[in-house]
Amino acid sequence: MSSRNATREDFQHVIASMKSKEVDPTPYITHRVLFDKVKDEFEQWLNPANGVIKAMIEIG
């Protein structure tokens, strides 16, 4: 998880909200890619026409 301006307290609040099911993050996850494919996909994520809201990098 990352954000430019979020504080530690912000992250604690978000994590607690997700754990309690108060917030469902799945509608925001628009793209998924395996770690070894990030290099191939990253440039496309920068194009607004591709509709990326949150891209998840899967490890493992």
PDB file of N, CA and C in Angstrom:
ATOM      1  N   MET A   1       0.833  -1.161   0.000  1.00  0.00           N
ATOM      2  CA  MET A   1       0.000   0.000   0.000  1.00  0.00           C
ATOM      3  C   MET A   1       0.885   1.234   0.000  1.00  0.00           C
ATOM      4  N   SER A   2       0.463   2.221  -0.751  1.00  0.00           N
ATOM      5  CA  SER A   2       1.253   3.449  -0.752  1.00  0.00           C
ATOM      6  C   SER A   2       0.382   4.633  -1.129  1.00  0.00           C
ATOM      7  N   SER A   3       0.844   5.787  -0.707  1.00  0.00           N
ATOM      8  CA  SER A   3       0.200   7.039  -1.044  1.00  0.00           C
ATOM      9  C   SER A   3       1.192   8.155  -0.768  1.00  0.00           C
ATOM     10  N   ARG A   4       1.169   9.157  -1.579  1.00  0.00           N
ATOM     11  CA  ARG A   4       2.124  10.249  -1.427  1.00  0.00           C
ATOM     12  C   ARG A   4       1.979  11.012  -0.123  1.00  0.00           C
ATOM     13  N   ASN A   5       0.770  11.276   0.298  1.00  0.00           N
ATOM     14  CA  ASN A   5       0.553  12.182   1.423  1.00  0.00           C
ATOM     15  C   ASN A   5      -0.044  11.521   2.661  1.00  0.00           C
ATOM     16  N   ALA A   6      -0.184  10.224   2.668  1.00  0.00           N
ATOM     17  CA  ALA A   6      -0.803   9.549   3.805  1.00  0.00           C
ATOM     18  C   ALA A   6       0.161   9.455   4.979  1.00  0.00           C
ATOM     19  N   THR A   7      -0.399   9.598   6.171  1.00  0.00           N
ATOM     20  CA  THR A   7       0.387   9.452   7.392  1.00  0.00           C
ATOM     21  C   THR A   7       0.246   8.027   7.916  1.00  0.00           C
ATOM     22  N   ARG A   8       1.028   7.698   8.901  1.00  0.00           N
ATOM     23  CA  ARG A   8       0.936   6.385   9.529  1.00  0.00           C
ATOM     24  C   ARG A   8      -0.485   6.167  10.075  1.00  0.00           C
ATOM     25  N   GLU A   9      -1.045   7.201  10.676  1.00  0.00           N
ATOM     26  CA  GLU A   9      -2.398   7.108  11.222  1.00  0.00           C
ATOM     27  C   GLU A   9      -3.424   6.866  10.114  1.00  0.00           C
ATOM     28  N   ASP A  10      -3.221   7.496   8.962  1.00  0.00           N
ATOM     29  CA  ASP A  10      -4.115   7.262   7.823  1.00  0.00           C
ATOM     30  C   ASP A  10      -4.108   5.791   7.432  1.00  0.00           C
ATOM     31  N   PHE A  11      -2.922   5.204   7.349  1.00  0.00           N
ATOM     32  CA  PHE A  11      -2.820   3.794   6.975  1.00  0.00           C
ATOM     33  C   PHE A  11      -3.465   2.899   8.025  1.00  0.00           C
ATOM     34  N   GLN A  12      -3.266   3.218   9.294  1.00  0.00           N
ATOM     35  CA  GLN A  12      -3.880   2.420  10.352  1.00  0.00           C
ATOM     36  C   GLN A  12      -5.407   2.461  10.236  1.00  0.00           C
ATOM     37  N   HIS A  13      -5.948   3.621   9.939  1.00  0.00           N
ATOM     38  CA  HIS A  13      -7.402   3.766   9.776  1.00  0.00           C
ATOM     39  C   HIS A  13      -7.902   2.967   8.564  1.00  0.00           C
ATOM     40  N   VAL A  14      -7.197   3.062   7.464  1.00  0.00           N
ATOM     41  CA  VAL A  14      -7.596   2.339   6.248  1.00  0.00           C
ATOM     42  C   VAL A  14      -7.541   0.833   6.469  1.00  0.00           C
ATOM     43  N   ILE A  15      -6.469   0.354   7.070  1.00  0.00           N
ATOM     44  CA  ILE A  15      -6.328  -1.083   7.321  1.00  0.00           C
ATOM     45  C   ILE A  15      -7.439  -1.573   8.247  1.00  0.00           C
ATOM     46  N   ALA A  16      -7.719  -0.818   9.307  1.00  0.00           N
ATOM     47  CA  ALA A  16      -8.799  -1.197  10.227  1.00  0.00           C
ATOM     48  C   ALA A  16     -10.144  -1.215   9.506  1.00  0.00           C
ATOM     49  N   SER A  17     -10.379  -0.257   8.639  1.00  0.00           N
ATOM     50  CA  SER A  17     -11.640  -0.193   7.888  1.00  0.00           C
ATOM     51  C   SER A  17     -11.792  -1.374   6.939  1.00  0.00           C
ATOM     52  N   MET A  18     -10.693  -1.801   6.337  1.00  0.00           N
ATOM     53  CA  MET A  18     -10.749  -2.957   5.444  1.00  0.00           C
ATOM     54  C   MET A  18     -10.953  -4.243   6.244  1.00  0.00           C
ATOM     55  N   LYS A  19     -10.268  -4.372   7.379  1.00  0.00           N
ATOM     56  CA  LYS A  19     -10.419  -5.571   8.210  1.00  0.00           C
ATOM     57  C   LYS A  19     -11.844  -5.717   8.735  1.00  0.00           C
ATOM     58  N   SER A  20     -12.473  -4.601   9.071  1.00  0.00           N
ATOM     59  CA  SER A  20     -13.834  -4.642   9.614  1.00  0.00           C
ATOM     60  C   SER A  20     -14.900  -4.712   8.520  1.00  0.00           C
ATOM     61  N   LYS A  21     -14.466  -4.746   7.272  1.00  0.00           N
ATOM     62  CA  LYS A  21     -15.364  -4.803   6.103  1.00  0.00           C
ATOM     63  C   LYS A  21     -16.174  -3.518   5.924  1.00  0.00           C
ATOM     64  N   GLU A  22     -15.754  -2.450   6.589  1.00  0.00           N
ATOM     65  CA  GLU A  22     -16.408  -1.154   6.414  1.00  0.00           C
ATOM     66  C   GLU A  22     -16.129  -0.606   5.013  1.00  0.00           C
ATOM     67  N   VAL A  23     -14.969  -0.956   4.489  1.00  0.00           N
ATOM     68  CA  VAL A  23     -14.562  -0.526   3.150  1.00  0.00           C
ATOM     69  C   VAL A  23     -14.177  -1.756   2.344  1.00  0.00           C
ATOM     70  N   ASP A  24     -14.704  -1.869   1.142  1.00  0.00           N
ATOM     71  CA  ASP A  24     -14.357  -2.953   0.220  1.00  0.00           C
ATOM     72  C   ASP A  24     -13.430  -2.382  -0.847  1.00  0.00           C
ATOM     73  N   PRO A  25     -12.154  -2.768  -0.849  1.00  0.00           N
ATOM     74  CA  PRO A  25     -11.212  -2.193  -1.808  1.00  0.00           C
ATOM     75  C   PRO A  25     -11.334  -2.743  -3.228  1.00  0.00           C
ATOM     76  N   THR A  26     -12.054  -3.843  -3.411  1.00  0.00           N
ATOM     77  CA  THR A  26     -12.050  -4.493  -4.729  1.00  0.00           C
ATOM     78  C   THR A  26     -12.543  -3.623  -5.880  1.00  0.00           C
ATOM     79  N   PRO A  27     -13.516  -2.717  -5.697  1.00  0.00           N
ATOM     80  CA  PRO A  27     -13.919  -1.891  -6.844  1.00  0.00           C
ATOM     81  C   PRO A  27     -12.812  -0.962  -7.359  1.00  0.00           C
ATOM     82  N   TYR A  28     -11.839  -0.684  -6.500  1.00  0.00           N
ATOM     83  CA  TYR A  28     -10.759   0.223  -6.891  1.00  0.00           C
ATOM     84  C   TYR A  28      -9.612  -0.494  -7.593  1.00  0.00           C
ATOM     85  N   ILE A  29      -9.554  -1.809  -7.455  1.00  0.00           N
ATOM     86  CA  ILE A  29      -8.472  -2.586  -8.064  1.00  0.00           C
ATOM     87  C   ILE A  29      -8.867  -2.883  -9.504  1.00  0.00           C
ATOM     88  N   THR A  30      -8.250  -2.176 -10.426  1.00  0.00           N
ATOM     89  CA  THR A  30      -8.621  -2.307 -11.833  1.00  0.00           C
ATOM     90  C   THR A  30      -7.652  -3.172 -12.629  1.00  0.00           C
ATOM     91  N   HIS A  31      -6.448  -3.358 -12.128  1.00  0.00           N
ATOM     92  CA  HIS A  31      -5.433  -4.113 -12.857  1.00  0.00           C
ATOM     93  C   HIS A  31      -4.618  -4.957 -11.880  1.00  0.00           C
ATOM     94  N   ARG A  32      -4.235  -6.142 -12.319  1.00  0.00           N
ATOM     95  CA  ARG A  32      -3.369  -7.040 -11.541  1.00  0.00           C
ATOM     96  C   ARG A  32      -2.292  -7.580 -12.472  1.00  0.00           C
ATOM     97  N   VAL A  33      -1.103  -7.755 -11.908  1.00  0.00           N
ATOM     98  CA  VAL A  33      -0.007  -8.293 -12.702  1.00  0.00           C
ATOM     99  C   VAL A  33       0.963  -9.021 -11.772  1.00  0.00           C
ATOM    100  N   LEU A  34       1.548 -10.084 -12.279  1.00  0.00           N
ATOM    101  CA  LEU A  34       2.588 -10.771 -11.523  1.00  0.00           C
ATOM    102  C   LEU A  34       3.846  -9.908 -11.501  1.00  0.00           C
ATOM    103  N   PHE A  35       4.599 -10.011 -10.422  1.00  0.00           N
ATOM    104  CA  PHE A  35       5.786  -9.182 -10.239  1.00  0.00           C
ATOM    105  C   PHE A  35       6.728  -9.241 -11.442  1.00  0.00           C
ATOM    106  N   ASP A  36       6.929 -10.427 -11.993  1.00  0.00           N
ATOM    107  CA  ASP A  36       7.880 -10.550 -13.103  1.00  0.00           C
ATOM    108  C   ASP A  36       7.365  -9.947 -14.411  1.00  0.00           C
ATOM    109  N   LYS A  37       6.119  -9.486 -14.446  1.00  0.00           N
ATOM    110  CA  LYS A  37       5.554  -8.857 -15.643  1.00  0.00           C
ATOM    111  C   LYS A  37       5.389  -7.338 -15.500  1.00  0.00           C
ATOM    112  N   VAL A  38       5.748  -6.784 -14.345  1.00  0.00           N
ATOM    113  CA  VAL A  38       5.564  -5.346 -14.106  1.00  0.00           C
ATOM    114  C   VAL A  38       6.263  -4.514 -15.166  1.00  0.00           C
ATOM    115  N   LYS A  39       7.469  -4.880 -15.520  1.00  0.00           N
ATOM    116  CA  LYS A  39       8.232  -4.113 -16.515  1.00  0.00           C
ATOM    117  C   LYS A  39       7.468  -4.019 -17.836  1.00  0.00           C
ATOM    118  N   ASP A  40       6.769  -5.079 -18.205  1.00  0.00           N
ATOM    119  CA  ASP A  40       6.014  -5.098 -19.460  1.00  0.00           C
ATOM    120  C   ASP A  40       4.737  -4.252 -19.387  1.00  0.00           C
ATOM    121  N   GLU A  41       4.145  -4.134 -18.215  1.00  0.00           N
ATOM    122  CA  GLU A  41       2.841  -3.484 -18.056  1.00  0.00           C
ATOM    123  C   GLU A  41       2.907  -2.029 -17.599  1.00  0.00           C
ATOM    124  N   PHE A  42       3.963  -1.656 -16.893  1.00  0.00           N
ATOM    125  CA  PHE A  42       3.996  -0.370 -16.198  1.00  0.00           C
ATOM    126  C   PHE A  42       3.726   0.822 -17.108  1.00  0.00           C
ATOM    127  N   GLU A  43       4.350   0.875 -18.246  1.00  0.00           N
ATOM    128  CA  GLU A  43       4.172   2.030 -19.135  1.00  0.00           C
ATOM    129  C   GLU A  43       2.709   2.189 -19.555  1.00  0.00           C
ATOM    130  N   GLN A  44       2.015   1.080 -19.768  1.00  0.00           N
ATOM    131  CA  GLN A  44       0.599   1.140 -20.140  1.00  0.00           C
ATOM    132  C   GLN A  44      -0.255   1.729 -19.017  1.00  0.00           C
ATOM    133  N   TRP A  45       0.148   1.484 -17.771  1.00  0.00           N
ATOM    134  CA  TRP A  45      -0.605   2.004 -16.630  1.00  0.00           C
ATOM    135  C   TRP A  45      -0.575   3.525 -16.582  1.00  0.00           C
ATOM    136  N   LEU A  46       0.432   4.131 -17.167  1.00  0.00           N
ATOM    137  CA  LEU A  46       0.568   5.586 -17.143  1.00  0.00           C
ATOM    138  C   LEU A  46      -0.380   6.284 -18.110  1.00  0.00           C
ATOM    139  N   ASN A  47      -0.950   5.555 -19.036  1.00  0.00           N
ATOM    140  CA  ASN A  47      -1.861   6.114 -20.028  1.00  0.00           C
ATOM    141  C   ASN A  47      -3.278   6.172 -19.443  1.00  0.00           C
ATOM    142  N   PRO A  48      -3.832   7.369 -19.241  1.00  0.00           N
ATOM    143  CA  PRO A  48      -5.172   7.494 -18.658  1.00  0.00           C
ATOM    144  C   PRO A  48      -6.255   6.724 -19.418  1.00  0.00           C
ATOM    145  N   ALA A  49      -6.060   6.510 -20.703  1.00  0.00           N
ATOM    146  CA  ALA A  49      -7.052   5.786 -21.499  1.00  0.00           C
ATOM    147  C   ALA A  49      -7.219   4.340 -21.033  1.00  0.00           C
ATOM    148  N   ASN A  50      -6.240   3.799 -20.317  1.00  0.00           N
ATOM    149  CA  ASN A  50      -6.316   2.420 -19.846  1.00  0.00           C
ATOM    150  C   ASN A  50      -7.114   2.273 -18.554  1.00  0.00           C
ATOM    151  N   GLY A  51      -7.545   3.383 -17.960  1.00  0.00           N
ATOM    152  CA  GLY A  51      -8.451   3.339 -16.816  1.00  0.00           C
ATOM    153  C   GLY A  51      -7.892   2.765 -15.529  1.00  0.00           C
ATOM    154  N   VAL A  52      -6.602   2.892 -15.321  1.00  0.00           N
ATOM    155  CA  VAL A  52      -6.014   2.361 -14.091  1.00  0.00           C
ATOM    156  C   VAL A  52      -6.404   3.238 -12.904  1.00  0.00           C
ATOM    157  N   ILE A  53      -6.996   2.609 -11.909  1.00  0.00           N
ATOM    158  CA  ILE A  53      -7.250   3.283 -10.638  1.00  0.00           C
ATOM    159  C   ILE A  53      -6.225   2.788  -9.627  1.00  0.00           C
ATOM    160  N   LYS A  54      -6.164   1.475  -9.442  1.00  0.00           N
ATOM    161  CA  LYS A  54      -5.180   0.873  -8.550  1.00  0.00           C
ATOM    162  C   LYS A  54      -4.701  -0.411  -9.201  1.00  0.00           C
ATOM    163  N   ALA A  55      -3.410  -0.478  -9.445  1.00  0.00           N
ATOM    164  CA  ALA A  55      -2.805  -1.681 -10.006  1.00  0.00           C
ATOM    165  C   ALA A  55      -2.155  -2.465  -8.873  1.00  0.00           C
ATOM    166  N   MET A  56      -2.444  -3.745  -8.808  1.00  0.00           N
ATOM    167  CA  MET A  56      -1.891  -4.607  -7.768  1.00  0.00           C
ATOM    168  C   MET A  56      -0.795  -5.470  -8.370  1.00  0.00           C
ATOM    169  N   ILE A  57       0.317  -5.521  -7.692  1.00  0.00           N
ATOM    170  CA  ILE A  57       1.432  -6.367  -8.107  1.00  0.00           C
ATOM    171  C   ILE A  57       1.413  -7.598  -7.216  1.00  0.00           C
ATOM    172  N   GLU A  58       1.261  -8.754  -7.837  1.00  0.00           N
ATOM    173  CA  GLU A  58       1.176 -10.007  -7.095  1.00  0.00           C
ATOM    174  C   GLU A  58       2.547 -10.655  -7.020  1.00  0.00           C
ATOM    175  N   ILE A  59       2.910 -11.062  -5.828  1.00  0.00           N
ATOM    176  CA  ILE A  59       4.206 -11.702  -5.602  1.00  0.00           C
ATOM    177  C   ILE A  59       3.947 -13.142  -5.202  1.00  0.00           C
ATOM    178  N   GLY A  60       4.651 -14.045  -5.896  1.00  0.00           N
ATOM    179  CA  GLY A  60       4.533 -15.442  -5.513  1.00  0.00           C
ATOM    180  C   GLY A  60       3.856 -16.314  -6.453  1.00  0.00           C
TER     181      GLY A  60
END
